[in-house]
Amino acid sequence: MVQIKVKITDRKATIPTYATSGSSGFDFYCISETLIPPNTWRMIIPGFNVQVPEGYELQIRSRSGVAIDHGLIVLNQPGTVDSDYRGPLGIVIWNITNIAMTIEEGTRIAQGVICPVVRAEFVQVEELTNTVRGEGGFGSTGKS
């Protein structure tokens, strides 16, 4: 198990929790009521900082229930918190609907997943190996 150190910066903050023993994501809670106008985004501050161990990242993602029930998603998902970042967390929530949405204090608004990081070595070459797909881009592997 990976240990994530949490520094509470707001008395309303709730330390992240896993909803079930099988959950891969843990929940982030909104600490103050926030109105998000239609087709607009707002920064939600969960009220704590984290220390992610070296070799890992914290990914911030939408919660499926909040997305399907309210049309609220994490704008830059997954958001990444690097192991050397110690500042306050901010979660950018986008209201993709045509109506204003209010996020109540205490609402589980996003989820986080701790993921291992693989660092790459980039090597400049003159040619890449050929594949069947080749340079085919979006939609090039067929429909549905």
Foldseek 3Di string as FASTA:
>chain_A
DFDKDKAFQDPQADDWDAPDPPDQWTFAFAAAKDKAAEQGKDKGFRGIWIAGDPQKKKWKWFDVCCCVVQVKTFPPGRDIDHNPDGDTDITIIGRNHNGMDMRHGGDRGIIIGMGGDDDDDDDDDDDDDADPQRPPDPCSVHDD
